[in-house]
N, C-alpha and C. Protein backbone atom coordinates (compact mmCIF):
# COMPACT_ATOMS: atom_id res chain seq x y z
N MET A 1 -10.17 8.49 -12.15
CA MET A 1 -8.78 8.60 -11.80
C MET A 1 -7.96 7.87 -12.88
N ASP A 2 -6.95 8.55 -13.39
CA ASP A 2 -6.08 7.97 -14.40
C ASP A 2 -4.80 7.48 -13.75
N ILE A 3 -4.19 6.48 -14.36
CA ILE A 3 -2.95 5.92 -13.84
C ILE A 3 -1.92 5.84 -14.96
N GLU A 4 -0.69 6.18 -14.60
CA GLU A 4 0.43 6.07 -15.53
C GLU A 4 1.54 5.31 -14.80
N ILE A 5 1.89 4.15 -15.28
CA ILE A 5 2.95 3.37 -14.66
C ILE A 5 4.27 3.83 -15.24
N THR A 6 5.13 4.39 -14.37
CA THR A 6 6.39 4.95 -14.83
C THR A 6 7.54 3.95 -14.73
N SER A 7 7.44 2.99 -13.82
CA SER A 7 8.50 2.01 -13.66
C SER A 7 7.90 0.69 -13.20
N ARG A 8 8.47 -0.39 -13.74
CA ARG A 8 8.00 -1.72 -13.36
C ARG A 8 9.22 -2.64 -13.34
N LYS A 9 9.50 -3.23 -12.19
CA LYS A 9 10.70 -4.05 -12.03
C LYS A 9 10.31 -5.38 -11.40
N GLU A 10 10.76 -6.46 -12.01
CA GLU A 10 10.52 -7.80 -11.46
C GLU A 10 11.55 -8.09 -10.39
N ASN A 11 11.12 -8.66 -9.26
CA ASN A 11 12.01 -9.08 -8.19
C ASN A 11 11.74 -10.56 -7.92
N PRO A 12 12.45 -11.45 -8.64
CA PRO A 12 12.16 -12.88 -8.51
C PRO A 12 12.54 -13.46 -7.15
N LEU A 13 13.50 -12.87 -6.47
CA LEU A 13 13.91 -13.39 -5.17
C LEU A 13 12.77 -13.30 -4.16
N LEU A 14 12.03 -12.17 -4.16
CA LEU A 14 10.92 -11.99 -3.23
C LEU A 14 9.56 -12.29 -3.87
N GLN A 15 9.58 -12.78 -5.09
CA GLN A 15 8.37 -13.14 -5.83
C GLN A 15 7.38 -12.00 -5.91
N ARG A 16 7.88 -10.85 -6.38
CA ARG A 16 7.01 -9.69 -6.50
C ARG A 16 7.44 -8.81 -7.67
N THR A 17 6.55 -7.90 -8.04
CA THR A 17 6.83 -6.88 -9.03
C THR A 17 6.74 -5.54 -8.32
N GLU A 18 7.76 -4.71 -8.46
CA GLU A 18 7.78 -3.39 -7.82
C GLU A 18 7.38 -2.35 -8.86
N VAL A 19 6.38 -1.56 -8.52
CA VAL A 19 5.78 -0.63 -9.47
C VAL A 19 5.81 0.78 -8.91
N ILE A 20 6.19 1.73 -9.76
CA ILE A 20 6.04 3.15 -9.43
C ILE A 20 5.03 3.70 -10.42
N ALA A 21 3.97 4.29 -9.88
CA ALA A 21 2.88 4.78 -10.73
C ALA A 21 2.50 6.19 -10.31
N VAL A 22 1.95 6.94 -11.27
CA VAL A 22 1.45 8.28 -11.00
C VAL A 22 -0.07 8.23 -11.16
N LEU A 23 -0.78 8.54 -10.07
CA LEU A 23 -2.24 8.60 -10.11
C LEU A 23 -2.65 10.05 -10.33
N LYS A 24 -3.42 10.30 -11.38
CA LYS A 24 -3.89 11.65 -11.68
C LYS A 24 -5.35 11.73 -11.25
N HIS A 25 -5.61 12.64 -10.31
CA HIS A 25 -6.95 12.74 -9.74
C HIS A 25 -7.45 14.18 -9.83
N LEU A 26 -7.85 14.57 -11.02
CA LEU A 26 -8.38 15.92 -11.23
C LEU A 26 -9.73 16.08 -10.57
N ASN A 27 -9.96 17.23 -9.98
CA ASN A 27 -11.24 17.58 -9.35
C ASN A 27 -11.63 16.64 -8.21
N SER A 28 -10.66 16.03 -7.56
CA SER A 28 -10.95 15.20 -6.40
C SER A 28 -9.76 15.24 -5.46
N SER A 29 -9.97 14.76 -4.26
CA SER A 29 -8.91 14.78 -3.26
C SER A 29 -7.91 13.65 -3.51
N THR A 30 -6.87 13.64 -2.72
CA THR A 30 -5.86 12.58 -2.81
C THR A 30 -6.53 11.24 -2.53
N PRO A 31 -6.30 10.25 -3.36
CA PRO A 31 -6.96 8.96 -3.16
C PRO A 31 -6.45 8.26 -1.90
N SER A 32 -7.30 7.44 -1.32
CA SER A 32 -6.91 6.67 -0.15
C SER A 32 -6.05 5.49 -0.61
N ARG A 33 -5.41 4.81 0.34
CA ARG A 33 -4.62 3.62 0.01
C ARG A 33 -5.49 2.56 -0.65
N ASN A 34 -6.69 2.41 -0.16
CA ASN A 34 -7.61 1.42 -0.70
C ASN A 34 -7.96 1.73 -2.16
N GLU A 35 -8.24 2.99 -2.47
CA GLU A 35 -8.55 3.39 -3.84
C GLU A 35 -7.34 3.19 -4.75
N ALA A 36 -6.15 3.50 -4.23
CA ALA A 36 -4.93 3.32 -5.02
C ALA A 36 -4.69 1.83 -5.30
N ARG A 37 -4.92 0.98 -4.29
CA ARG A 37 -4.76 -0.47 -4.47
C ARG A 37 -5.72 -0.98 -5.54
N GLU A 38 -6.97 -0.52 -5.51
CA GLU A 38 -7.96 -0.95 -6.49
C GLU A 38 -7.55 -0.53 -7.90
N THR A 39 -7.11 0.72 -8.05
CA THR A 39 -6.73 1.24 -9.35
C THR A 39 -5.53 0.49 -9.92
N ILE A 40 -4.52 0.25 -9.10
CA ILE A 40 -3.33 -0.45 -9.56
C ILE A 40 -3.65 -1.91 -9.88
N SER A 41 -4.47 -2.55 -9.05
CA SER A 41 -4.81 -3.96 -9.31
C SER A 41 -5.59 -4.10 -10.61
N LYS A 42 -6.51 -3.18 -10.89
CA LYS A 42 -7.26 -3.24 -12.15
C LYS A 42 -6.33 -2.99 -13.34
N SER A 43 -5.42 -2.05 -13.19
CA SER A 43 -4.51 -1.71 -14.27
C SER A 43 -3.58 -2.87 -14.62
N LEU A 44 -3.11 -3.60 -13.62
CA LEU A 44 -2.18 -4.70 -13.84
C LEU A 44 -2.87 -6.05 -14.00
N GLY A 45 -4.17 -6.10 -13.73
CA GLY A 45 -4.91 -7.35 -13.85
C GLY A 45 -4.58 -8.33 -12.74
N GLU A 46 -4.31 -7.83 -11.55
CA GLU A 46 -3.98 -8.66 -10.39
C GLU A 46 -5.09 -8.57 -9.35
N LYS A 47 -5.05 -9.47 -8.37
CA LYS A 47 -5.99 -9.41 -7.27
C LYS A 47 -5.61 -8.26 -6.34
N LYS A 48 -6.60 -7.64 -5.75
CA LYS A 48 -6.35 -6.52 -4.84
C LYS A 48 -5.57 -6.98 -3.61
N GLU A 49 -5.78 -8.21 -3.14
CA GLU A 49 -5.10 -8.71 -1.95
C GLU A 49 -3.59 -8.85 -2.17
N ASN A 50 -3.16 -8.95 -3.42
CA ASN A 50 -1.74 -9.12 -3.73
C ASN A 50 -1.00 -7.80 -3.90
N VAL A 51 -1.71 -6.69 -3.88
CA VAL A 51 -1.10 -5.38 -4.07
C VAL A 51 -0.90 -4.71 -2.71
N ILE A 52 0.34 -4.29 -2.45
CA ILE A 52 0.69 -3.60 -1.21
C ILE A 52 1.19 -2.20 -1.58
N ILE A 53 0.57 -1.18 -1.01
CA ILE A 53 1.04 0.19 -1.21
C ILE A 53 2.07 0.48 -0.14
N ASP A 54 3.31 0.75 -0.58
CA ASP A 54 4.38 1.03 0.36
C ASP A 54 4.38 2.52 0.73
N SER A 55 4.28 3.39 -0.27
CA SER A 55 4.26 4.83 0.02
C SER A 55 3.46 5.57 -1.03
N MET A 56 2.91 6.70 -0.60
CA MET A 56 2.17 7.60 -1.48
C MET A 56 2.65 9.02 -1.19
N LYS A 57 3.00 9.75 -2.25
CA LYS A 57 3.49 11.11 -2.08
C LYS A 57 2.76 12.03 -3.03
N SER A 58 2.23 13.13 -2.48
CA SER A 58 1.59 14.13 -3.32
C SER A 58 2.11 15.49 -2.91
N GLN A 59 2.07 16.43 -3.84
CA GLN A 59 2.54 17.78 -3.56
C GLN A 59 1.36 18.73 -3.51
N PHE A 60 1.51 19.78 -2.72
CA PHE A 60 0.45 20.76 -2.57
C PHE A 60 0.16 21.42 -3.92
N GLY A 61 -1.10 21.50 -4.27
CA GLY A 61 -1.52 22.18 -5.49
C GLY A 61 -1.45 21.34 -6.75
N ARG A 62 -0.97 20.13 -6.66
CA ARG A 62 -0.89 19.26 -7.83
C ARG A 62 -1.93 18.15 -7.69
N HIS A 63 -2.45 17.74 -8.79
CA HIS A 63 -3.47 16.70 -8.80
C HIS A 63 -2.86 15.36 -9.22
N GLU A 64 -1.65 15.11 -8.70
CA GLU A 64 -0.96 13.87 -8.99
C GLU A 64 -0.39 13.29 -7.70
N THR A 65 -0.43 11.99 -7.57
CA THR A 65 0.16 11.29 -6.43
C THR A 65 1.06 10.20 -6.97
N VAL A 66 2.30 10.19 -6.47
CA VAL A 66 3.26 9.16 -6.87
C VAL A 66 3.14 8.02 -5.86
N VAL A 67 2.96 6.81 -6.37
CA VAL A 67 2.71 5.64 -5.53
C VAL A 67 3.80 4.60 -5.80
N PHE A 68 4.37 4.07 -4.71
CA PHE A 68 5.28 2.93 -4.81
C PHE A 68 4.52 1.71 -4.30
N ALA A 69 4.29 0.75 -5.18
CA ALA A 69 3.50 -0.43 -4.84
C ALA A 69 4.29 -1.69 -5.13
N LYS A 70 3.94 -2.75 -4.40
CA LYS A 70 4.54 -4.06 -4.60
C LYS A 70 3.42 -5.05 -4.89
N VAL A 71 3.56 -5.77 -5.99
CA VAL A 71 2.54 -6.74 -6.40
C VAL A 71 3.15 -8.13 -6.23
N TYR A 72 2.58 -8.89 -5.31
CA TYR A 72 3.09 -10.23 -5.00
C TYR A 72 2.36 -11.29 -5.81
N ALA A 73 3.02 -12.45 -5.96
CA ALA A 73 2.40 -13.58 -6.65
C ALA A 73 1.25 -14.14 -5.83
N ALA A 74 1.38 -14.11 -4.48
CA ALA A 74 0.34 -14.61 -3.59
C ALA A 74 0.33 -13.75 -2.32
N SER A 75 -0.83 -13.62 -1.70
CA SER A 75 -0.94 -12.81 -0.50
C SER A 75 -0.17 -13.41 0.67
N GLU A 76 0.02 -14.73 0.66
CA GLU A 76 0.80 -15.37 1.73
C GLU A 76 2.25 -14.92 1.69
N GLN A 77 2.79 -14.74 0.48
CA GLN A 77 4.16 -14.26 0.33
C GLN A 77 4.28 -12.84 0.86
N ALA A 78 3.26 -12.03 0.63
CA ALA A 78 3.27 -10.66 1.13
C ALA A 78 3.31 -10.64 2.64
N SER A 79 2.55 -11.50 3.28
CA SER A 79 2.52 -11.51 4.74
C SER A 79 3.83 -12.02 5.33
N ARG A 80 4.58 -12.83 4.59
CA ARG A 80 5.88 -13.31 5.07
C ARG A 80 6.97 -12.26 4.90
N VAL A 81 6.89 -11.44 3.87
CA VAL A 81 7.97 -10.52 3.52
C VAL A 81 7.77 -9.12 4.10
N GLU A 82 6.57 -8.61 4.04
CA GLU A 82 6.31 -7.21 4.42
C GLU A 82 6.38 -6.98 5.91
N ARG A 83 6.74 -5.75 6.27
CA ARG A 83 6.75 -5.34 7.67
C ARG A 83 5.31 -5.24 8.17
N ARG A 84 5.13 -5.50 9.43
CA ARG A 84 3.80 -5.58 10.02
C ARG A 84 3.01 -4.28 9.86
N HIS A 85 3.63 -3.13 10.10
CA HIS A 85 2.88 -1.87 10.04
C HIS A 85 2.42 -1.55 8.61
N ILE A 86 3.14 -2.04 7.61
CA ILE A 86 2.71 -1.84 6.22
C ILE A 86 1.48 -2.71 5.94
N LEU A 87 1.47 -3.93 6.47
CA LEU A 87 0.30 -4.79 6.31
C LEU A 87 -0.92 -4.20 7.01
N VAL A 88 -0.72 -3.61 8.17
CA VAL A 88 -1.83 -2.97 8.90
C VAL A 88 -2.37 -1.80 8.10
N ARG A 89 -1.49 -0.98 7.54
CA ARG A 89 -1.92 0.17 6.73
C ARG A 89 -2.74 -0.24 5.53
N ASN A 90 -2.41 -1.38 4.95
CA ASN A 90 -3.11 -1.85 3.77
C ASN A 90 -4.32 -2.72 4.10
N GLY A 91 -4.59 -2.91 5.39
CA GLY A 91 -5.77 -3.65 5.81
C GLY A 91 -5.63 -5.16 5.71
N LEU A 92 -4.40 -5.66 5.68
CA LEU A 92 -4.18 -7.10 5.57
C LEU A 92 -3.82 -7.74 6.90
N ALA A 93 -3.67 -6.95 7.95
CA ALA A 93 -3.37 -7.48 9.28
C ALA A 93 -4.04 -6.59 10.31
N GLU A 94 -4.28 -7.16 11.47
CA GLU A 94 -4.90 -6.42 12.57
C GLU A 94 -3.81 -5.74 13.40
N LYS A 95 -4.13 -4.57 13.90
CA LYS A 95 -3.20 -3.84 14.75
C LYS A 95 -3.16 -4.50 16.13
N LYS A 96 -1.95 -4.65 16.66
CA LYS A 96 -1.81 -5.24 17.99
C LYS A 96 -2.18 -4.20 19.04
N GLN A 97 -2.91 -4.63 20.03
CA GLN A 97 -3.27 -3.75 21.13
C GLN A 97 -2.19 -3.85 22.20
N ALA A 98 -1.72 -2.72 22.66
CA ALA A 98 -0.72 -2.72 23.73
C ALA A 98 -1.38 -3.14 25.03
N ALA A 99 -0.66 -3.90 25.82
CA ALA A 99 -1.19 -4.34 27.10
C ALA A 99 -1.29 -3.14 28.03
N GLN A 100 -2.43 -3.00 28.65
CA GLN A 100 -2.62 -1.86 29.55
C GLN A 100 -1.98 -2.16 30.90
N LYS A 101 -1.30 -1.16 31.40
CA LYS A 101 -0.65 -1.31 32.69
C LYS A 101 -1.66 -1.10 33.81
N ALA A 102 -1.44 -1.79 34.89
CA ALA A 102 -2.30 -1.62 36.06
C ALA A 102 -1.99 -0.27 36.71
N PRO A 103 -3.00 0.42 37.22
CA PRO A 103 -2.74 1.72 37.84
C PRO A 103 -1.84 1.57 39.08
N LYS A 104 -1.01 2.56 39.28
CA LYS A 104 -0.09 2.52 40.42
C LYS A 104 -0.88 2.72 41.72
N GLN A 105 -0.45 2.01 42.72
CA GLN A 105 -1.10 2.17 44.02
C GLN A 105 -0.40 3.27 44.80
N GLN A 106 -1.19 4.10 45.44
CA GLN A 106 -0.62 5.18 46.23
C GLN A 106 -0.27 4.68 47.60
N LYS A 107 0.84 5.16 48.14
CA LYS A 107 1.28 4.74 49.50
C LYS A 107 0.67 5.61 50.55
């Protein structure tokens, strides 16, 4: 899988780098979030735990996926800033289980 970083912007207020990259995956399916995180972390020389994939978009019939990723200075900063469902998608937080309601009693 090849990677082309099209945009890279420093965000000092949130202590992160915002990256837009194009993943080219010829002769294979759309990469998973985990594969995209690994590829971007290797490309930028960062730890995988510090890379958060915000969105991935691919078009039918094209072997390219556009990825918006955020690379934090530390994983603790990511857990303070990011929304919970994004952390769950990236495997950095556990999904909350909804409390089960007791069955209704019939009269």
